[in-house]
Structure formats: structure tokens, C-alpha cells
PDB file of N, CA and C in Angstrom:
ATOM      1  N   UNK A   1      11.774  -1.429   0.141  1.00  0.00           N
ATOM      2  CA  UNK A   1      10.771  -0.446  -0.222  1.00  0.00           C
ATOM      3  C   UNK A   1      11.394   0.930  -0.044  1.00  0.00           C
ATOM      4  N   UNK A   2      11.284   1.753  -1.051  1.00  0.00           N
ATOM      5  CA  UNK A   2      11.902   3.072  -1.044  1.00  0.00           C
ATOM      6  C   UNK A   2      10.829   4.124  -0.795  1.00  0.00           C
ATOM      7  N   UNK A   3      10.983   4.893   0.273  1.00  0.00           N
ATOM      8  CA  UNK A   3      10.019   5.944   0.599  1.00  0.00           C
ATOM      9  C   UNK A   3      10.487   7.260   0.002  1.00  0.00           C
ATOM     10  N   UNK A   4       9.562   8.018  -0.495  1.00  0.00           N
ATOM     11  CA  UNK A   4       9.865   9.371  -0.952  1.00  0.00           C
ATOM     12  C   UNK A   4       9.100  10.336  -0.070  1.00  0.00           C
ATOM     13  N   UNK A   5       9.602  11.549   0.004  1.00  0.00           N
ATOM     14  CA  UNK A   5       8.887  12.550   0.770  1.00  0.00           C
ATOM     15  C   UNK A   5       7.577  12.883   0.071  1.00  0.00           C
ATOM     16  N   UNK A   6       6.557  13.270   0.816  1.00  0.00           N
ATOM     17  CA  UNK A   6       5.265  13.602   0.211  1.00  0.00           C
ATOM     18  C   UNK A   6       5.411  14.713  -0.821  1.00  0.00           C
ATOM     19  N   UNK A   7       4.617  14.594  -1.879  1.00  0.00           N
ATOM     20  CA  UNK A   7       4.639  15.627  -2.907  1.00  0.00           C
ATOM     21  C   UNK A   7       4.033  16.914  -2.390  1.00  0.00           C
ATOM     22  N   UNK A   8       2.993  16.788  -1.592  1.00  0.00           N
ATOM     23  CA  UNK A   8       2.389  18.012  -1.066  1.00  0.00           C
ATOM     24  C   UNK A   8       1.712  17.728   0.263  1.00  0.00           C
ATOM     25  N   UNK A   9       1.726  18.691   1.090  1.00  0.00           N
ATOM     26  CA  UNK A   9       0.946  18.683   2.317  1.00  0.00           C
ATOM     27  C   UNK A   9       0.283  20.045   2.359  1.00  0.00           C
ATOM     28  N   UNK A  10      -1.015  20.049   2.429  1.00  0.00           N
ATOM     29  CA  UNK A  10      -1.691  21.342   2.426  1.00  0.00           C
ATOM     30  C   UNK A  10      -2.920  21.289   3.300  1.00  0.00           C
ATOM     31  N   UNK A  11      -3.392  22.429   3.631  1.00  0.00           N
ATOM     32  CA  UNK A  11      -4.641  22.533   4.365  1.00  0.00           C
ATOM     33  C   UNK A  11      -5.629  23.222   3.431  1.00  0.00           C
ATOM     34  N   UNK A  12      -6.693  22.541   3.099  1.00  0.00           N
ATOM     35  CA  UNK A  12      -7.640  23.102   2.144  1.00  0.00           C
ATOM     36  C   UNK A  12      -8.542  24.127   2.823  1.00  0.00           C
ATOM     37  N   UNK A  13      -9.349  24.786   2.013  1.00  0.00           N
ATOM     38  CA  UNK A  13     -10.246  25.816   2.536  1.00  0.00           C
ATOM     39  C   UNK A  13     -11.292  25.251   3.482  1.00  0.00           C
ATOM     40  N   UNK A  14     -11.623  23.974   3.327  1.00  0.00           N
ATOM     41  CA  UNK A  14     -12.648  23.380   4.184  1.00  0.00           C
ATOM     42  C   UNK A  14     -12.088  22.967   5.546  1.00  0.00           C
ATOM     43  N   UNK A  15     -10.818  23.263   5.816  1.00  0.00           N
ATOM     44  CA  UNK A  15     -10.238  22.919   7.104  1.00  0.00           C
ATOM     45  C   UNK A  15      -9.703  21.506   7.167  1.00  0.00           C
ATOM     46  N   UNK A  16      -9.589  20.844   6.039  1.00  0.00           N
ATOM     47  CA  UNK A  16      -9.060  19.485   6.008  1.00  0.00           C
ATOM     48  C   UNK A  16      -7.574  19.505   5.683  1.00  0.00           C
ATOM     49  N   UNK A  17      -6.851  18.575   6.263  1.00  0.00           N
ATOM     50  CA  UNK A  17      -5.437  18.394   5.939  1.00  0.00           C
ATOM     51  C   UNK A  17      -5.348  17.310   4.869  1.00  0.00           C
ATOM     52  N   UNK A  18      -4.474  17.508   3.891  1.00  0.00           N
ATOM     53  CA  UNK A  18      -4.336  16.560   2.781  1.00  0.00           C
ATOM     54  C   UNK A  18      -2.866  16.182   2.631  1.00  0.00           C
ATOM     55  N   UNK A  19      -2.622  14.890   2.400  1.00  0.00           N
ATOM     56  CA  UNK A  19      -1.262  14.404   2.195  1.00  0.00           C
ATOM     57  C   UNK A  19      -1.259  13.425   1.030  1.00  0.00           C
ATOM     58  N   UNK A  20      -0.395  13.651   0.053  1.00  0.00           N
ATOM     59  CA  UNK A  20      -0.190  12.721  -1.057  1.00  0.00           C
ATOM     60  C   UNK A  20       1.162  12.053  -0.852  1.00  0.00           C
ATOM     61  N   UNK A  21       1.177  10.725  -0.899  1.00  0.00           N
ATOM     62  CA  UNK A  21       2.407   9.962  -0.696  1.00  0.00           C
ATOM     63  C   UNK A  21       2.585   9.017  -1.871  1.00  0.00           C
ATOM     64  N   UNK A  22       3.815   8.915  -2.343  1.00  0.00           N
ATOM     65  CA  UNK A  22       4.157   7.979  -3.419  1.00  0.00           C
ATOM     66  C   UNK A  22       5.277   7.085  -2.902  1.00  0.00           C
ATOM     67  N   UNK A  23       5.049   5.773  -2.932  1.00  0.00           N
ATOM     68  CA  UNK A  23       6.036   4.798  -2.475  1.00  0.00           C
ATOM     69  C   UNK A  23       6.433   3.953  -3.676  1.00  0.00           C
ATOM     70  N   UNK A  24       7.706   3.984  -4.031  1.00  0.00           N
ATOM     71  CA  UNK A  24       8.177   3.182  -5.159  1.00  0.00           C
ATOM     72  C   UNK A  24       8.490   1.773  -4.688  1.00  0.00           C
ATOM     73  N   UNK A  25       8.051   0.792  -5.481  1.00  0.00           N
ATOM     74  CA  UNK A  25       8.253  -0.616  -5.178  1.00  0.00           C
ATOM     75  C   UNK A  25       9.052  -1.256  -6.315  1.00  0.00           C
ATOM     76  N   UNK A  26       9.553  -2.482  -6.116  1.00  0.00           N
ATOM     77  CA  UNK A  26      10.414  -3.101  -7.126  1.00  0.00           C
ATOM     78  C   UNK A  26       9.773  -3.320  -8.503  1.00  0.00           C
ATOM     79  N   UNK A  27       8.452  -3.519  -8.548  1.00  0.00           N
ATOM     80  CA  UNK A  27       7.810  -3.771  -9.843  1.00  0.00           C
ATOM     81  C   UNK A  27       6.351  -3.320  -9.822  1.00  0.00           C
ATOM     82  N   UNK A  28       5.783  -3.217 -11.017  1.00  0.00           N
ATOM     83  CA  UNK A  28       4.370  -2.850 -11.139  1.00  0.00           C
ATOM     84  C   UNK A  28       3.482  -3.930 -10.527  1.00  0.00           C
ATOM     85  N   UNK A  29       3.861  -5.187 -10.687  1.00  0.00           N
ATOM     86  CA  UNK A  29       3.069  -6.298 -10.142  1.00  0.00           C
ATOM     87  C   UNK A  29       3.019  -6.227  -8.612  1.00  0.00           C
ATOM     88  N   UNK A  30       4.147  -5.945  -7.996  1.00  0.00           N
ATOM     89  CA  UNK A  30       4.181  -5.827  -6.533  1.00  0.00           C
ATOM     90  C   UNK A  30       3.346  -4.631  -6.087  1.00  0.00           C
ATOM     91  N   UNK A  31       3.417  -3.530  -6.824  1.00  0.00           N
ATOM     92  CA  UNK A  31       2.597  -2.355  -6.487  1.00  0.00           C
ATOM     93  C   UNK A  31       1.111  -2.700  -6.552  1.00  0.00           C
ATOM     94  N   UNK A  32       0.695  -3.473  -7.572  1.00  0.00           N
ATOM     95  CA  UNK A  32      -0.711  -3.896  -7.690  1.00  0.00           C
ATOM     96  C   UNK A  32      -1.118  -4.779  -6.520  1.00  0.00           C
ATOM     97  N   UNK A  33      -0.259  -5.721  -6.163  1.00  0.00           N
ATOM     98  CA  UNK A  33      -0.572  -6.651  -5.070  1.00  0.00           C
ATOM     99  C   UNK A  33      -0.691  -5.904  -3.743  1.00  0.00           C
ATOM    100  N   UNK A  34       0.252  -5.021  -3.469  1.00  0.00           N
ATOM    101  CA  UNK A  34       0.210  -4.252  -2.219  1.00  0.00           C
ATOM    102  C   UNK A  34      -1.036  -3.375  -2.191  1.00  0.00           C
ATOM    103  N   UNK A  35      -1.335  -2.725  -3.312  1.00  0.00           N
ATOM    104  CA  UNK A  35      -2.526  -1.870  -3.389  1.00  0.00           C
ATOM    105  C   UNK A  35      -3.796  -2.666  -3.117  1.00  0.00           C
ATOM    106  N   UNK A  36      -3.936  -3.814  -3.774  1.00  0.00           N
ATOM    107  CA  UNK A  36      -5.162  -4.598  -3.584  1.00  0.00           C
ATOM    108  C   UNK A  36      -5.237  -5.210  -2.187  1.00  0.00           C
ATOM    109  N   UNK A  37      -4.093  -5.476  -1.572  1.00  0.00           N
ATOM    110  CA  UNK A  37      -4.133  -6.078  -0.239  1.00  0.00           C
ATOM    111  C   UNK A  37      -4.500  -5.077   0.850  1.00  0.00           C
ATOM    112  N   UNK A  38      -4.163  -3.805   0.665  1.00  0.00           N
ATOM    113  CA  UNK A  38      -4.505  -2.838   1.715  1.00  0.00           C
ATOM    114  C   UNK A  38      -5.698  -1.956   1.358  1.00  0.00           C
ATOM    115  N   UNK A  39      -6.212  -2.061   0.140  1.00  0.00           N
ATOM    116  CA  UNK A  39      -7.360  -1.224  -0.240  1.00  0.00           C
ATOM    117  C   UNK A  39      -8.615  -1.471   0.603  1.00  0.00           C
ATOM    118  N   UNK A  40      -8.873  -2.698   1.112  1.00  0.00           N
ATOM    119  CA  UNK A  40     -10.049  -2.843   1.980  1.00  0.00           C
ATOM    120  C   UNK A  40      -9.994  -1.954   3.222  1.00  0.00           C
ATOM    121  N   UNK A  41      -8.802  -1.581   3.641  1.00  0.00           N
ATOM    122  CA  UNK A  41      -8.654  -0.717   4.816  1.00  0.00           C
ATOM    123  C   UNK A  41      -9.084   0.719   4.537  1.00  0.00           C
ATOM    124  N   UNK A  42      -9.291   1.072   3.269  1.00  0.00           N
ATOM    125  CA  UNK A  42      -9.691   2.439   2.936  1.00  0.00           C
ATOM    126  C   UNK A  42     -11.183   2.669   3.152  1.00  0.00           C
ATOM    127  N   UNK A  43     -11.957   1.589   3.268  1.00  0.00           N
ATOM    128  CA  UNK A  43     -13.394   1.741   3.516  1.00  0.00           C
ATOM    129  C   UNK A  43     -13.582   2.116   4.981  1.00  0.00           C
ATOM    130  N   UNK A  44     -14.317   3.155   5.215  1.00  0.00           N
ATOM    131  CA  UNK A  44     -14.417   3.657   6.584  1.00  0.00           C
ATOM    132  C   UNK A  44     -15.861   3.749   7.037  1.00  0.00           C
ATOM    133  N   UNK A  45     -16.026   3.614   8.319  1.00  0.00           N
ATOM    134  CA  UNK A  45     -17.347   3.772   8.920  1.00  0.00           C
ATOM    135  C   UNK A  45     -17.577   5.248   9.216  1.00  0.00           C
ATOM    136  N   UNK A  46     -18.814   5.589   9.454  1.00  0.00           N
ATOM    137  CA  UNK A  46     -19.156   6.966   9.802  1.00  0.00           C
ATOM    138  C   UNK A  46     -18.433   7.369  11.086  1.00  0.00           C
ATOM    139  N   UNK A  47     -17.973   8.603  11.126  1.00  0.00           N
ATOM    140  CA  UNK A  47     -17.322   9.095  12.325  1.00  0.00           C
ATOM    141  C   UNK A  47     -15.805   9.064  12.273  1.00  0.00           C
ATOM    142  N   UNK A  48     -15.225   8.436  11.251  1.00  0.00           N
ATOM    143  CA  UNK A  48     -13.770   8.438  11.139  1.00  0.00           C
ATOM    144  C   UNK A  48     -13.291   9.837  10.802  1.00  0.00           C
ATOM    145  N   UNK A  49     -12.095  10.174  11.246  1.00  0.00           N
ATOM    146  CA  UNK A  49     -11.566  11.523  11.039  1.00  0.00           C
ATOM    147  C   UNK A  49     -10.707  11.638   9.791  1.00  0.00           C
ATOM    148  N   UNK A  50     -10.533  10.534   9.059  1.00  0.00           N
ATOM    149  CA  UNK A  50      -9.721  10.604   7.845  1.00  0.00           C
ATOM    150  C   UNK A  50     -10.281   9.678   6.773  1.00  0.00           C
ATOM    151  N   UNK A  51      -9.909   9.973   5.544  1.00  0.00           N
ATOM    152  CA  UNK A  51     -10.287   9.139   4.398  1.00  0.00           C
ATOM    153  C   UNK A  51      -9.045   8.963   3.539  1.00  0.00           C
ATOM    154  N   UNK A  52      -8.868   7.754   3.024  1.00  0.00           N
ATOM    155  CA  UNK A  52      -7.676   7.457   2.229  1.00  0.00           C
ATOM    156  C   UNK A  52      -8.078   6.803   0.922  1.00  0.00           C
ATOM    157  N   UNK A  53      -7.453   7.239  -0.162  1.00  0.00           N
ATOM    158  CA  UNK A  53      -7.607   6.546  -1.440  1.00  0.00           C
ATOM    159  C   UNK A  53      -6.233   6.019  -1.829  1.00  0.00           C
ATOM    160  N   UNK A  54      -6.232   4.864  -2.481  1.00  0.00           N
ATOM    161  CA  UNK A  54      -4.984   4.205  -2.829  1.00  0.00           C
ATOM    162  C   UNK A  54      -5.070   3.687  -4.253  1.00  0.00           C
ATOM    163  N   UNK A  55      -3.952   3.737  -4.962  1.00  0.00           N
ATOM    164  CA  UNK A  55      -3.895   3.159  -6.303  1.00  0.00           C
ATOM    165  C   UNK A  55      -2.451   2.822  -6.630  1.00  0.00           C
ATOM    166  N   UNK A  56      -2.301   1.907  -7.565  1.00  0.00           N
ATOM    167  CA  UNK A  56      -0.959   1.594  -8.047  1.00  0.00           C
ATOM    168  C   UNK A  56      -0.800   2.249  -9.412  1.00  0.00           C
ATOM    169  N   UNK A  57       0.366   2.800  -9.631  1.00  0.00           N
ATOM    170  CA  UNK A  57       0.670   3.450 -10.900  1.00  0.00           C
ATOM    171  C   UNK A  57       2.089   3.043 -11.275  1.00  0.00           C
ATOM    172  N   UNK A  58       2.194   2.245 -12.307  1.00  0.00           N
ATOM    173  CA  UNK A  58       3.470   1.637 -12.707  1.00  0.00           C
ATOM    174  C   UNK A  58       4.035   0.872 -11.515  1.00  0.00           C
ATOM    175  N   UNK A  59       5.250   1.196 -11.100  1.00  0.00           N
ATOM    176  CA  UNK A  59       5.838   0.465  -9.971  1.00  0.00           C
ATOM    177  C   UNK A  59       5.712   1.239  -8.655  1.00  0.00           C
ATOM    178  N   UNK A  60       4.706   2.095  -8.571  1.00  0.00           N
ATOM    179  CA  UNK A  60       4.542   2.915  -7.365  1.00  0.00           C
ATOM    180  C   UNK A  60       3.150   2.752  -6.768  1.00  0.00           C
ATOM    181  N   UNK A  61       3.100   2.950  -5.482  1.00  0.00           N
ATOM    182  CA  UNK A  61       1.852   2.959  -4.734  1.00  0.00           C
ATOM    183  C   UNK A  61       1.579   4.413  -4.388  1.00  0.00           C
ATOM    184  N   UNK A  62       0.391   4.904  -4.717  1.00  0.00           N
ATOM    185  CA  UNK A  62       0.052   6.298  -4.437  1.00  0.00           C
ATOM    186  C   UNK A  62      -1.102   6.356  -3.445  1.00  0.00           C
ATOM    187  N   UNK A  63      -0.886   7.105  -2.384  1.00  0.00           N
ATOM    188  CA  UNK A  63      -1.896   7.289  -1.344  1.00  0.00           C
ATOM    189  C   UNK A  63      -2.289   8.753  -1.286  1.00  0.00           C
ATOM    190  N   UNK A  64      -3.572   9.007  -1.168  1.00  0.00           N
ATOM    191  CA  UNK A  64      -4.049  10.358  -0.871  1.00  0.00           C
ATOM    192  C   UNK A  64      -4.842  10.258   0.416  1.00  0.00           C
ATOM    193  N   UNK A  65      -4.381  10.972   1.425  1.00  0.00           N
ATOM    194  CA  UNK A  65      -5.013  10.930   2.738  1.00  0.00           C
ATOM    195  C   UNK A  65      -5.587  12.304   3.038  1.00  0.00           C
ATOM    196  N   UNK A  66      -6.881  12.342   3.370  1.00  0.00           N
ATOM    197  CA  UNK A  66      -7.547  13.577   3.787  1.00  0.00           C
ATOM    198  C   UNK A  66      -8.012  13.371   5.216  1.00  0.00           C
ATOM    199  N   UNK A  67      -7.800  14.377   6.035  1.00  0.00           N
ATOM    200  CA  UNK A  67      -8.179  14.252   7.440  1.00  0.00           C
ATOM    201  C   UNK A  67      -8.720  15.570   7.959  1.00  0.00           C
ATOM    202  N   UNK A  68      -9.464  15.471   9.049  1.00  0.00           N
ATOM    203  CA  UNK A  68     -10.032  16.674   9.674  1.00  0.00           C
ATOM    204  C   UNK A  68      -8.962  17.518  10.347  1.00  0.00           C
ATOM    205  N   UNK A  69      -7.882  16.869  10.807  1.00  0.00           N
ATOM    206  CA  UNK A  69      -6.820  17.590  11.518  1.00  0.00           C
ATOM    207  C   UNK A  69      -5.490  16.882  11.289  1.00  0.00           C
ATOM    208  N   UNK A  70      -4.416  17.526  11.691  1.00  0.00           N
ATOM    209  CA  UNK A  70      -3.080  16.980  11.461  1.00  0.00           C
ATOM    210  C   UNK A  70      -2.798  15.720  12.274  1.00  0.00           C
ATOM    211  N   UNK A  71      -3.388  15.605  13.444  1.00  0.00           N
ATOM    212  CA  UNK A  71      -3.191  14.408  14.263  1.00  0.00           C
ATOM    213  C   UNK A  71      -3.776  13.188  13.552  1.00  0.00           C
ATOM    214  N   UNK A  72      -4.985  13.321  13.028  1.00  0.00           N
ATOM    215  CA  UNK A  72      -5.619  12.224  12.294  1.00  0.00           C
ATOM    216  C   UNK A  72      -4.852  11.926  11.008  1.00  0.00           C
ATOM    217  N   UNK A  73      -4.340  12.956  10.362  1.00  0.00           N
ATOM    218  CA  UNK A  73      -3.555  12.775   9.135  1.00  0.00           C
ATOM    219  C   UNK A  73      -2.301  11.954   9.426  1.00  0.00           C
ATOM    220  N   UNK A  74      -1.597  12.306  10.474  1.00  0.00           N
ATOM    221  CA  UNK A  74      -0.378  11.589  10.845  1.00  0.00           C
ATOM    222  C   UNK A  74      -0.677  10.137  11.208  1.00  0.00           C
ATOM    223  N   UNK A  75      -1.720   9.909  11.980  1.00  0.00           N
ATOM    224  CA  UNK A  75      -2.084   8.550  12.386  1.00  0.00           C
ATOM    225  C   UNK A  75      -2.439   7.700  11.175  1.00  0.00           C
ATOM    226  N   UNK A  76      -3.208   8.258  10.268  1.00  0.00           N
ATOM    227  CA  UNK A  76      -3.601   7.523   9.071  1.00  0.00           C
ATOM    228  C   UNK A  76      -2.394   7.234   8.180  1.00  0.00           C
ATOM    229  N   UNK A  77      -1.525   8.221   8.004  1.00  0.00           N
ATOM    230  CA  UNK A  77      -0.319   8.021   7.188  1.00  0.00           C
ATOM    231  C   UNK A  77       0.548   6.914   7.782  1.00  0.00           C
ATOM    232  N   UNK A  78       0.755   6.947   9.094  1.00  0.00           N
ATOM    233  CA  UNK A  78       1.548   5.896   9.743  1.00  0.00           C
ATOM    234  C   UNK A  78       0.925   4.523   9.538  1.00  0.00           C
ATOM    235  N   UNK A  79      -0.387   4.430   9.700  1.00  0.00           N
ATOM    236  CA  UNK A  79      -1.070   3.143   9.547  1.00  0.00           C
ATOM    237  C   UNK A  79      -0.908   2.589   8.141  1.00  0.00           C
ATOM    238  N   UNK A  80      -1.169   3.413   7.138  1.00  0.00           N
ATOM    239  CA  UNK A  80      -1.104   2.923   5.762  1.00  0.00           C
ATOM    240  C   UNK A  80       0.323   2.625   5.313  1.00  0.00           C
ATOM    241  N   UNK A  81       1.281   3.402   5.758  1.00  0.00           N
ATOM    242  CA  UNK A  81       2.673   3.105   5.401  1.00  0.00           C
ATOM    243  C   UNK A  81       3.137   1.814   6.067  1.00  0.00           C
ATOM    244  N   UNK A  82       2.690   1.570   7.293  1.00  0.00           N
ATOM    245  CA  UNK A  82       3.029   0.300   7.955  1.00  0.00           C
ATOM    246  C   UNK A  82       2.364  -0.880   7.258  1.00  0.00           C
ATOM    247  N   UNK A  83       1.107  -0.719   6.852  1.00  0.00           N
ATOM    248  CA  UNK A  83       0.429  -1.791   6.118  1.00  0.00           C
ATOM    249  C   UNK A  83       1.138  -2.086   4.799  1.00  0.00           C
ATOM    250  N   UNK A  84       1.534  -1.047   4.080  1.00  0.00           N
ATOM    251  CA  UNK A  84       2.240  -1.233   2.807  1.00  0.00           C
ATOM    252  C   UNK A  84       3.581  -1.929   3.035  1.00  0.00           C
ATOM    253  N   UNK A  85       4.292  -1.531   4.074  1.00  0.00           N
ATOM    254  CA  UNK A  85       5.577  -2.163   4.384  1.00  0.00           C
ATOM    255  C   UNK A  85       5.387  -3.631   4.756  1.00  0.00           C
ATOM    256  N   UNK A  86       4.357  -3.931   5.542  1.00  0.00           N
ATOM    257  CA  UNK A  86       4.088  -5.319   5.933  1.00  0.00           C
ATOM    258  C   UNK A  86       3.731  -6.167   4.720  1.00  0.00           C
ATOM    259  N   UNK A  87       2.913  -5.633   3.825  1.00  0.00           N
ATOM    260  CA  UNK A  87       2.546  -6.371   2.613  1.00  0.00           C
ATOM    261  C   UNK A  87       3.770  -6.620   1.741  1.00  0.00           C
ATOM    262  N   UNK A  88       4.617  -5.629   1.607  1.00  0.00           N
ATOM    263  CA  UNK A  88       5.831  -5.774   0.807  1.00  0.00           C
ATOM    264  C   UNK A  88       6.779  -6.809   1.416  1.00  0.00           C
ATOM    265  N   UNK A  89       6.954  -6.779   2.734  1.00  0.00           N
ATOM    266  CA  UNK A  89       7.807  -7.770   3.407  1.00  0.00           C
ATOM    267  C   UNK A  89       7.235  -9.171   3.263  1.00  0.00           C
ATOM    268  N   UNK A  90       5.917  -9.291   3.318  1.00  0.00           N
ATOM    269  CA  UNK A  90       5.280 -10.594   3.152  1.00  0.00           C
ATOM    270  C   UNK A  90       5.565 -11.150   1.766  1.00  0.00           C
ATOM    271  N   UNK A  91       5.456 -10.314   0.750  1.00  0.00           N
ATOM    272  CA  UNK A  91       5.764 -10.751  -0.617  1.00  0.00           C
ATOM    273  C   UNK A  91       7.218 -11.203  -0.699  1.00  0.00           C
ATOM    274  N   UNK A  92       8.133 -10.428  -0.117  1.00  0.00           N
ATOM    275  CA  UNK A  92       9.556 -10.795  -0.139  1.00  0.00           C
ATOM    276  C   UNK A  92       9.803 -12.139   0.529  1.00  0.00           C
ATOM    277  N   UNK A  93       9.051 -12.433   1.581  1.00  0.00           N
ATOM    278  CA  UNK A  93       9.227 -13.681   2.312  1.00  0.00           C
ATOM    279  C   UNK A  93       8.602 -14.863   1.590  1.00  0.00           C
ATOM    280  N   UNK A  94       7.402 -14.688   1.064  1.00  0.00           N
ATOM    281  CA  UNK A  94       6.643 -15.786   0.479  1.00  0.00           C
ATOM    282  C   UNK A  94       7.029 -16.069  -0.975  1.00  0.00           C
ATOM    283  N   UNK A  95       7.368 -15.058  -1.735  1.00  0.00           N
ATOM    284  CA  UNK A  95       7.621 -15.225  -3.174  1.00  0.00           C
ATOM    285  C   UNK A  95       8.699 -16.258  -3.485  1.00  0.00           C
ATOM    286  N   UNK A  96       9.849 -16.264  -2.813  1.00  0.00           N
ATOM    287  CA  UNK A  96      10.856 -17.281  -3.149  1.00  0.00           C
ATOM    288  C   UNK A  96      10.351 -18.703  -2.914  1.00  0.00           C
ATOM    289  N   UNK A  97       9.589 -18.911  -1.854  1.00  0.00           N
ATOM    290  CA  UNK A  97       9.025 -20.228  -1.575  1.00  0.00           C
ATOM    291  C   UNK A  97       8.050 -20.630  -2.675  1.00  0.00           C
ATOM    292  N   UNK A  98       7.171 -19.712  -3.059  1.00  0.00           N
ATOM    293  CA  UNK A  98       6.187 -19.996  -4.096  1.00  0.00           C
ATOM    294  C   UNK A  98       6.873 -20.306  -5.422  1.00  0.00           C
ATOM    295  N   UNK A  99       7.869 -19.488  -5.784  1.00  0.00           N
ATOM    296  CA  UNK A  99       8.572 -19.715  -7.053  1.00  0.00           C
ATOM    297  C   UNK A  99       9.242 -21.080  -7.062  1.00  0.00           C
ATOM    298  N   UNK A 100       9.827 -21.478  -5.947  1.00  0.00           N
ATOM    299  CA  UNK A 100      10.472 -22.789  -5.864  1.00  0.00           C
ATOM    300  C   UNK A 100       9.483 -23.921  -6.031  1.00  0.00           C
ATOM    301  N   UNK A 101       8.342 -23.847  -5.378  1.00  0.00           N
ATOM    302  CA  UNK A 101       7.317 -24.898  -5.505  1.00  0.00           C
ATOM    303  C   UNK A 101       6.731 -24.900  -6.898  1.00  0.00           C
ATOM    304  N   UNK A 102       6.526 -23.720  -7.470  1.00  0.00           N
ATOM    305  CA  UNK A 102       5.944 -23.622  -8.804  1.00  0.00           C
ATOM    306  C   UNK A 102       6.881 -24.249  -9.832  1.00  0.00           C
ATOM    307  N   UNK A 103       8.178 -23.999  -9.715  1.00  0.00           N
ATOM    308  CA  UNK A 103       9.147 -24.578 -10.654  1.00  0.00           C
ATOM    309  C   UNK A 103       9.154 -26.092 -10.556  1.00  0.00           C
ATOM    310  N   UNK A 104       9.107 -26.628  -9.324  1.00  0.00           N
ATOM    311  CA  UNK A 104       9.092 -28.086  -9.163  1.00  0.00           C
ATOM    312  C   UNK A 104       7.848 -28.678  -9.797  1.00  0.00           C
ATOM    313  N   UNK A 105       6.701 -28.026  -9.641  1.00  0.00           N
ATOM    314  CA  UNK A 105       5.449 -28.547 -10.199  1.00  0.00           C
ATOM    315  C   UNK A 105       5.488 -28.529 -11.722  1.00  0.00           C
ATOM    316  N   UNK A 106       6.083 -27.506 -12.310  1.00  0.00           N
ATOM    317  CA  UNK A 106       6.164 -27.416 -13.766  1.00  0.00           C
ATOM    318  C   UNK A 106       7.140 -28.451 -14.301  1.00  0.00           C
ATOM    319  N   UNK A 107       8.268 -28.647 -13.616  1.00  0.00           N
ATOM    320  CA  UNK A 107       9.255 -29.612 -14.104  1.00  0.00           C
ATOM    321  C   UNK A 107       8.818 -31.054 -13.856  1.00  0.00           C
ATOM    322  N   UNK A 108       7.962 -31.293 -12.850  1.00  0.00           N
ATOM    323  CA  UNK A 108       7.420 -32.624 -12.547  1.00  0.00           C
ATOM    324  C   UNK A 108       5.898 -32.550 -12.529  1.00  0.00           C
ATOM    325  N   UNK A 109       5.249 -32.547 -13.695  1.00  0.00           N
ATOM    326  CA  UNK A 109       3.797 -32.337 -13.741  1.00  0.00           C
ATOM    327  C   UNK A 109       2.979 -33.333 -12.930  1.00  0.00           C
ATOM    328  N   UNK A 110       3.504 -34.513 -12.643  1.00  0.00           N
ATOM    329  CA  UNK A 110       2.747 -35.513 -11.900  1.00  0.00           C
ATOM    330  C   UNK A 110       2.714 -35.268 -10.406  1.00  0.00           C
ATOM    331  N   UNK A 111       3.519 -34.338  -9.900  1.00  0.00           N
ATOM    332  CA  UNK A 111       3.551 -34.086  -8.456  1.00  0.00           C
ATOM    333  C   UNK A 111       2.501 -33.065  -8.075  1.00  0.00           C
ATOM    334  N   UNK A 112       2.043 -33.158  -6.855  1.00  0.00           N
ATOM    335  CA  UNK A 112       1.049 -32.180  -6.399  1.00  0.00           C
ATOM    336  C   UNK A 112       1.756 -31.003  -5.767  1.00  0.00           C
ATOM    337  N   UNK A 113       1.134 -29.846  -5.859  1.00  0.00           N
ATOM    338  CA  UNK A 113       1.702 -28.614  -5.314  1.00  0.00           C
ATOM    339  C   UNK A 113       1.084 -28.322  -3.986  1.00  0.00           C
TER     340      UNK A 113
END
């Protein structure tokens, strides 16, 4: 997984800190899978100090994190980048096994997967 520096970090007029992060992944499909696997974490309960939106765009994962302060911004950024890295590593670990089983099932239709 290739990390790029944030495109912008700014403090808006409302006193919120904002961070946009773009993480390039090997393919658009992997970006979609990582996005959908960590998007449930973007739903927040009342009282949280940050809000995050996530989307996949081509082969990249884009995060926009808004927070009340820089401490909350940093904590949220660390959490989401770790979740994205974990999801990507999981795909790297599981995909070869799945592809191998899938090929065997296609070449031997009578076997169970």
C-alpha cells in the first residue's frame, strides 16, 4: 500500500480541522473492497469529536476527516489508516488462497469448494 502525503490540511472558519488523504492501492477492485470494509466505521454516535467520509476512486481510497481539534484529527487519521492497511493486508493474505480454491473448483466442477 502506497501512502501519499495529504493534499490539504486546513482549519476552517468554524474551528474545525480538516484532512484529506488519498491512499493508492494496487487496483480499483481492492480500493472498493477496502472502502466497503471500513465504511461502517464512519458512522458515529453523538459526542464524537471527528467525522470521516470515505470513498474509492479508481485505484485509490480517499478519506476526508473533519475534527473539532488537531488531537482528534490525528487520532482519527491514525485509526482509519490502520484499518485500511489491515484490510489491504487481509486481501493480500486471503486472495491467493481463494484464487487457488476457485481454480480447482472450476477445473473440477464435481468437487465442493
